[in-house]
Amino acid sequence: MYDKSLVFEILSQVENSIKITLKRFEVVDDVDYFTNTSIGMEKLDSICMQLIAIGESLKNIDKITNKELLEKYPQIDWKGAKGMRDIISHHYFDIDAKEIYDVCDTKLGNLLETIKLIKQEL
């Protein structure tokens, strides 16, 4: 068995990071905003930092739970969420702004709802 209070705390941090990211993303109306304005580039940088934190936290949850917890929620592409951290961290200069936009626009809302669900079920 694993330390549920530790996992709950990490999930809370993930939830907070997702909320921060979605708040920062509110002003982004299309992918060009990220690449064609200096404030957009700053938003992209700050969003990427949060995505790194989210991915790292998800990896830690897998480590703590022996990969048993997240797999119970197949509605999320956990491998992709954790992999986003690796891509941003190790290939920062090759980041595709469109991919970051798509993640924020289409995937983070579902991730947030699933994190809340996991917390309830712990």
N, C-alpha and C. Protein backbone atom coordinates (compact mmCIF):
# COMPACT_ATOMS: atom_id res chain seq x y z
N MET A 1 0.84 -1.18 0.00
CA MET A 1 0.00 0.00 0.00
C MET A 1 0.88 1.24 0.00
N TYR A 2 0.33 2.35 -0.42
CA TYR A 2 1.11 3.58 -0.51
C TYR A 2 0.52 4.65 0.40
N ASP A 3 1.26 5.72 0.58
CA ASP A 3 0.86 6.83 1.45
C ASP A 3 -0.16 7.70 0.73
N LYS A 4 -1.43 7.50 1.06
CA LYS A 4 -2.51 8.23 0.38
C LYS A 4 -2.46 9.72 0.64
N SER A 5 -2.02 10.11 1.82
CA SER A 5 -1.96 11.55 2.11
C SER A 5 -0.90 12.23 1.25
N LEU A 6 0.21 11.55 0.99
CA LEU A 6 1.25 12.09 0.11
C LEU A 6 0.72 12.21 -1.32
N VAL A 7 0.06 11.16 -1.78
CA VAL A 7 -0.50 11.18 -3.13
C VAL A 7 -1.55 12.29 -3.25
N PHE A 8 -2.38 12.43 -2.24
CA PHE A 8 -3.40 13.49 -2.24
C PHE A 8 -2.74 14.86 -2.35
N GLU A 9 -1.66 15.06 -1.61
CA GLU A 9 -0.95 16.35 -1.65
C GLU A 9 -0.38 16.61 -3.04
N ILE A 10 0.21 15.61 -3.65
CA ILE A 10 0.75 15.77 -5.00
C ILE A 10 -0.37 16.06 -5.99
N LEU A 11 -1.49 15.35 -5.86
CA LEU A 11 -2.64 15.60 -6.73
C LEU A 11 -3.15 17.03 -6.55
N SER A 12 -3.13 17.53 -5.34
CA SER A 12 -3.54 18.91 -5.08
C SER A 12 -2.61 19.90 -5.77
N GLN A 13 -1.32 19.58 -5.76
CA GLN A 13 -0.35 20.43 -6.47
C GLN A 13 -0.60 20.39 -7.97
N VAL A 14 -0.91 19.22 -8.50
CA VAL A 14 -1.22 19.09 -9.93
C VAL A 14 -2.48 19.90 -10.25
N GLU A 15 -3.49 19.76 -9.42
CA GLU A 15 -4.72 20.51 -9.63
C GLU A 15 -4.44 22.02 -9.67
N ASN A 16 -3.65 22.49 -8.74
CA ASN A 16 -3.30 23.90 -8.69
C ASN A 16 -2.54 24.33 -9.94
N SER A 17 -1.60 23.51 -10.39
CA SER A 17 -0.83 23.84 -11.60
C SER A 17 -1.72 23.89 -12.84
N ILE A 18 -2.67 22.98 -12.91
CA ILE A 18 -3.60 23.00 -14.04
C ILE A 18 -4.42 24.28 -14.02
N LYS A 19 -4.90 24.66 -12.85
CA LYS A 19 -5.70 25.89 -12.74
C LYS A 19 -4.88 27.11 -13.12
N ILE A 20 -3.64 27.16 -12.68
CA ILE A 20 -2.75 28.27 -13.05
C ILE A 20 -2.57 28.31 -14.56
N THR A 21 -2.33 27.16 -15.15
CA THR A 21 -2.11 27.08 -16.60
C THR A 21 -3.35 27.54 -17.36
N LEU A 22 -4.51 27.06 -16.95
CA LEU A 22 -5.74 27.46 -17.63
C LEU A 22 -6.00 28.95 -17.48
N LYS A 23 -5.68 29.51 -16.34
CA LYS A 23 -5.83 30.95 -16.14
C LYS A 23 -4.90 31.72 -17.08
N ARG A 24 -3.67 31.29 -17.17
CA ARG A 24 -2.72 31.96 -18.07
C ARG A 24 -3.12 31.81 -19.53
N PHE A 25 -3.76 30.70 -19.85
CA PHE A 25 -4.15 30.40 -21.22
C PHE A 25 -5.39 31.19 -21.66
N GLU A 26 -6.14 31.74 -20.73
CA GLU A 26 -7.39 32.44 -21.06
C GLU A 26 -7.21 33.52 -22.13
N VAL A 27 -6.10 34.20 -22.14
CA VAL A 27 -5.90 35.32 -23.08
C VAL A 27 -5.37 34.85 -24.44
N VAL A 28 -5.05 33.58 -24.55
CA VAL A 28 -4.47 33.05 -25.78
C VAL A 28 -5.61 32.66 -26.72
N ASP A 29 -5.74 33.42 -27.81
CA ASP A 29 -6.86 33.16 -28.72
C ASP A 29 -6.49 32.24 -29.88
N ASP A 30 -5.22 32.12 -30.18
CA ASP A 30 -4.75 31.15 -31.18
C ASP A 30 -3.25 30.93 -31.01
N VAL A 31 -2.72 29.96 -31.71
CA VAL A 31 -1.33 29.58 -31.53
C VAL A 31 -0.38 30.72 -31.90
N ASP A 32 -0.78 31.58 -32.83
CA ASP A 32 0.09 32.69 -33.23
C ASP A 32 0.36 33.65 -32.08
N TYR A 33 -0.54 33.72 -31.14
CA TYR A 33 -0.32 34.58 -29.97
C TYR A 33 0.97 34.17 -29.25
N PHE A 34 1.20 32.86 -29.17
CA PHE A 34 2.42 32.36 -28.52
C PHE A 34 3.68 32.77 -29.27
N THR A 35 3.62 32.80 -30.58
CA THR A 35 4.84 32.96 -31.37
C THR A 35 5.05 34.35 -31.94
N ASN A 36 4.00 35.17 -31.99
CA ASN A 36 4.12 36.46 -32.66
C ASN A 36 4.13 37.66 -31.73
N THR A 37 4.04 37.45 -30.43
CA THR A 37 4.06 38.56 -29.50
C THR A 37 5.02 38.24 -28.36
N SER A 38 5.64 39.26 -27.81
CA SER A 38 6.57 39.00 -26.70
C SER A 38 5.81 38.53 -25.46
N ILE A 39 4.65 39.09 -25.22
CA ILE A 39 3.87 38.61 -24.06
C ILE A 39 3.38 37.19 -24.30
N GLY A 40 3.10 36.85 -25.54
CA GLY A 40 2.70 35.49 -25.87
C GLY A 40 3.83 34.50 -25.62
N MET A 41 5.05 34.91 -25.95
CA MET A 41 6.20 34.03 -25.70
C MET A 41 6.41 33.84 -24.20
N GLU A 42 6.16 34.90 -23.43
CA GLU A 42 6.25 34.77 -21.98
C GLU A 42 5.17 33.82 -21.45
N LYS A 43 3.98 33.93 -22.01
CA LYS A 43 2.89 33.01 -21.62
C LYS A 43 3.29 31.57 -21.95
N LEU A 44 3.83 31.37 -23.13
CA LEU A 44 4.27 30.03 -23.54
C LEU A 44 5.30 29.49 -22.56
N ASP A 45 6.28 30.32 -22.21
CA ASP A 45 7.30 29.89 -21.25
C ASP A 45 6.69 29.52 -19.91
N SER A 46 5.80 30.36 -19.41
CA SER A 46 5.22 30.10 -18.09
C SER A 46 4.30 28.89 -18.11
N ILE A 47 3.58 28.70 -19.19
CA ILE A 47 2.72 27.52 -19.33
C ILE A 47 3.58 26.26 -19.41
N CYS A 48 4.66 26.31 -20.16
CA CYS A 48 5.55 25.15 -20.27
C CYS A 48 6.11 24.77 -18.90
N MET A 49 6.43 25.75 -18.09
CA MET A 49 6.95 25.46 -16.75
C MET A 49 5.92 24.70 -15.93
N GLN A 50 4.68 25.10 -16.02
CA GLN A 50 3.61 24.40 -15.30
C GLN A 50 3.42 22.98 -15.84
N LEU A 51 3.50 22.82 -17.16
CA LEU A 51 3.35 21.49 -17.76
C LEU A 51 4.48 20.56 -17.32
N ILE A 52 5.68 21.11 -17.16
CA ILE A 52 6.80 20.32 -16.63
C ILE A 52 6.47 19.86 -15.21
N ALA A 53 5.98 20.78 -14.40
CA ALA A 53 5.65 20.44 -13.01
C ALA A 53 4.55 19.37 -12.95
N ILE A 54 3.56 19.50 -13.81
CA ILE A 54 2.47 18.52 -13.84
C ILE A 54 3.01 17.14 -14.23
N GLY A 55 3.79 17.09 -15.29
CA GLY A 55 4.35 15.82 -15.74
C GLY A 55 5.25 15.17 -14.70
N GLU A 56 6.07 15.97 -14.06
CA GLU A 56 6.96 15.44 -13.02
C GLU A 56 6.15 14.90 -11.85
N SER A 57 5.11 15.60 -11.47
CA SER A 57 4.26 15.15 -10.37
C SER A 57 3.55 13.84 -10.71
N LEU A 58 3.09 13.73 -11.93
CA LEU A 58 2.43 12.49 -12.34
C LEU A 58 3.42 11.32 -12.32
N LYS A 59 4.66 11.58 -12.71
CA LYS A 59 5.69 10.53 -12.63
C LYS A 59 5.91 10.12 -11.18
N ASN A 60 5.90 11.10 -10.28
CA ASN A 60 6.10 10.80 -8.86
C ASN A 60 4.94 9.97 -8.31
N ILE A 61 3.72 10.28 -8.74
CA ILE A 61 2.57 9.49 -8.31
C ILE A 61 2.73 8.05 -8.79
N ASP A 62 3.15 7.86 -10.02
CA ASP A 62 3.39 6.51 -10.52
C ASP A 62 4.42 5.78 -9.68
N LYS A 63 5.47 6.49 -9.31
CA LYS A 63 6.54 5.87 -8.52
C LYS A 63 6.01 5.46 -7.15
N ILE A 64 5.27 6.36 -6.51
CA ILE A 64 4.76 6.10 -5.16
C ILE A 64 3.73 4.97 -5.16
N THR A 65 2.91 4.91 -6.19
CA THR A 65 1.81 3.93 -6.23
C THR A 65 2.14 2.69 -7.06
N ASN A 66 3.39 2.53 -7.42
CA ASN A 66 3.81 1.40 -8.27
C ASN A 66 2.98 1.32 -9.55
N LYS A 67 2.67 2.47 -10.10
CA LYS A 67 1.90 2.61 -11.35
C LYS A 67 0.50 2.00 -11.27
N GLU A 68 -0.05 1.92 -10.08
CA GLU A 68 -1.36 1.31 -9.91
C GLU A 68 -2.51 2.31 -9.89
N LEU A 69 -2.27 3.54 -9.50
CA LEU A 69 -3.37 4.49 -9.33
C LEU A 69 -3.84 5.09 -10.65
N LEU A 70 -2.96 5.71 -11.38
CA LEU A 70 -3.36 6.44 -12.58
C LEU A 70 -3.97 5.52 -13.63
N GLU A 71 -3.50 4.29 -13.70
CA GLU A 71 -4.01 3.36 -14.71
C GLU A 71 -5.49 3.05 -14.50
N LYS A 72 -6.03 3.35 -13.33
CA LYS A 72 -7.46 3.13 -13.06
C LYS A 72 -8.33 4.18 -13.74
N TYR A 73 -7.71 5.16 -14.36
CA TYR A 73 -8.42 6.27 -15.00
C TYR A 73 -7.96 6.39 -16.45
N PRO A 74 -8.42 5.47 -17.30
CA PRO A 74 -7.94 5.40 -18.68
C PRO A 74 -8.45 6.53 -19.58
N GLN A 75 -9.30 7.39 -19.07
CA GLN A 75 -9.79 8.50 -19.87
C GLN A 75 -8.70 9.55 -20.14
N ILE A 76 -7.58 9.41 -19.46
CA ILE A 76 -6.46 10.32 -19.65
C ILE A 76 -5.29 9.56 -20.26
N ASP A 77 -4.61 10.19 -21.20
CA ASP A 77 -3.38 9.65 -21.77
C ASP A 77 -2.24 10.00 -20.82
N TRP A 78 -2.07 9.17 -19.79
CA TRP A 78 -1.06 9.45 -18.77
C TRP A 78 0.35 9.43 -19.34
N LYS A 79 0.60 8.52 -20.25
CA LYS A 79 1.93 8.45 -20.87
C LYS A 79 2.22 9.76 -21.60
N GLY A 80 1.24 10.27 -22.32
CA GLY A 80 1.41 11.53 -23.02
C GLY A 80 1.60 12.71 -22.08
N ALA A 81 0.84 12.71 -20.99
CA ALA A 81 0.95 13.80 -20.01
C ALA A 81 2.33 13.82 -19.36
N LYS A 82 2.82 12.63 -19.02
CA LYS A 82 4.16 12.55 -18.43
C LYS A 82 5.24 12.82 -19.48
N GLY A 83 4.98 12.38 -20.70
CA GLY A 83 5.94 12.57 -21.78
C GLY A 83 6.09 14.03 -22.18
N MET A 84 5.03 14.80 -22.01
CA MET A 84 5.10 16.24 -22.32
C MET A 84 6.20 16.90 -21.50
N ARG A 85 6.34 16.46 -20.26
CA ARG A 85 7.39 17.00 -19.39
C ARG A 85 8.77 16.74 -19.99
N ASP A 86 8.97 15.52 -20.48
CA ASP A 86 10.27 15.17 -21.06
C ASP A 86 10.56 15.96 -22.32
N ILE A 87 9.57 16.10 -23.16
CA ILE A 87 9.75 16.86 -24.41
C ILE A 87 10.12 18.30 -24.12
N ILE A 88 9.36 18.93 -23.21
CA ILE A 88 9.64 20.34 -22.90
C ILE A 88 11.01 20.48 -22.24
N SER A 89 11.32 19.60 -21.30
CA SER A 89 12.58 19.71 -20.56
C SER A 89 13.81 19.43 -21.40
N HIS A 90 13.71 18.45 -22.28
CA HIS A 90 14.90 18.00 -22.99
C HIS A 90 15.02 18.53 -24.42
N HIS A 91 13.93 19.06 -24.95
CA HIS A 91 13.94 19.56 -26.32
C HIS A 91 13.29 20.94 -26.40
N TYR A 92 13.62 21.78 -25.42
CA TYR A 92 12.93 23.05 -25.28
C TYR A 92 12.95 23.89 -26.56
N PHE A 93 14.06 23.92 -27.25
CA PHE A 93 14.16 24.77 -28.43
C PHE A 93 13.41 24.20 -29.63
N ASP A 94 12.93 22.98 -29.50
CA ASP A 94 12.16 22.35 -30.56
C ASP A 94 10.67 22.26 -30.24
N ILE A 95 10.23 22.95 -29.20
CA ILE A 95 8.83 22.87 -28.79
C ILE A 95 7.92 23.39 -29.90
N ASP A 96 6.86 22.66 -30.13
CA ASP A 96 5.85 23.03 -31.10
C ASP A 96 4.76 23.81 -30.36
N ALA A 97 4.68 25.11 -30.60
CA ALA A 97 3.70 25.95 -29.91
C ALA A 97 2.27 25.47 -30.17
N LYS A 98 2.04 24.92 -31.35
CA LYS A 98 0.70 24.40 -31.67
C LYS A 98 0.34 23.24 -30.75
N GLU A 99 1.29 22.39 -30.46
CA GLU A 99 1.04 21.26 -29.56
C GLU A 99 0.71 21.75 -28.15
N ILE A 100 1.44 22.74 -27.68
CA ILE A 100 1.17 23.30 -26.35
C ILE A 100 -0.22 23.94 -26.35
N TYR A 101 -0.54 24.66 -27.42
CA TYR A 101 -1.87 25.26 -27.54
C TYR A 101 -2.96 24.19 -27.48
N ASP A 102 -2.78 23.13 -28.25
CA ASP A 102 -3.78 22.05 -28.29
C ASP A 102 -3.94 21.37 -26.94
N VAL A 103 -2.85 21.15 -26.24
CA VAL A 103 -2.92 20.55 -24.90
C VAL A 103 -3.74 21.43 -23.98
N CYS A 104 -3.44 22.72 -23.99
CA CYS A 104 -4.17 23.65 -23.12
C CYS A 104 -5.64 23.77 -23.52
N ASP A 105 -5.88 23.79 -24.80
CA ASP A 105 -7.23 24.01 -25.32
C ASP A 105 -8.12 22.78 -25.19
N THR A 106 -7.56 21.58 -25.33
CA THR A 106 -8.41 20.40 -25.42
C THR A 106 -8.19 19.33 -24.35
N LYS A 107 -7.07 19.37 -23.65
CA LYS A 107 -6.77 18.26 -22.74
C LYS A 107 -6.75 18.63 -21.26
N LEU A 108 -6.39 19.86 -20.93
CA LEU A 108 -6.23 20.21 -19.52
C LEU A 108 -7.54 20.20 -18.74
N GLY A 109 -8.63 20.56 -19.38
CA GLY A 109 -9.93 20.53 -18.69
C GLY A 109 -10.28 19.12 -18.24
N ASN A 110 -10.09 18.15 -19.12
CA ASN A 110 -10.36 16.75 -18.77
C ASN A 110 -9.40 16.25 -17.70
N LEU A 111 -8.15 16.66 -17.80
CA LEU A 111 -7.18 16.27 -16.78
C LEU A 111 -7.58 16.83 -15.42
N LEU A 112 -8.01 18.08 -15.39
CA LEU A 112 -8.43 18.70 -14.13
C LEU A 112 -9.59 17.93 -13.51
N GLU A 113 -10.58 17.60 -14.30
CA GLU A 113 -11.74 16.87 -13.78
C GLU A 113 -11.34 15.49 -13.27
N THR A 114 -10.42 14.84 -13.96
CA THR A 114 -9.97 13.52 -13.53
C THR A 114 -9.16 13.60 -12.25
N ILE A 115 -8.32 14.60 -12.12
CA ILE A 115 -7.55 14.78 -10.88
C ILE A 115 -8.50 14.99 -9.71
N LYS A 116 -9.52 15.80 -9.91
CA LYS A 116 -10.52 16.02 -8.85
C LYS A 116 -11.20 14.71 -8.48
N LEU A 117 -11.54 13.90 -9.47
CA LEU A 117 -12.19 12.61 -9.24
C LEU A 117 -11.27 11.67 -8.44
N ILE A 118 -10.02 11.61 -8.83
CA ILE A 118 -9.07 10.75 -8.11
C ILE A 118 -8.98 11.19 -6.66
N LYS A 119 -8.90 12.48 -6.42
CA LYS A 119 -8.82 12.99 -5.06
C LYS A 119 -10.05 12.59 -4.25
N GLN A 120 -11.22 12.67 -4.86
CA GLN A 120 -12.46 12.27 -4.17
C GLN A 120 -12.43 10.80 -3.82
N GLU A 121 -11.93 9.99 -4.72
CA GLU A 121 -11.95 8.54 -4.52
C GLU A 121 -10.83 8.03 -3.63
N LEU A 122 -9.86 8.88 -3.32
CA LEU A 122 -8.81 8.46 -2.37
C LEU A 122 -9.43 8.43 -1.00
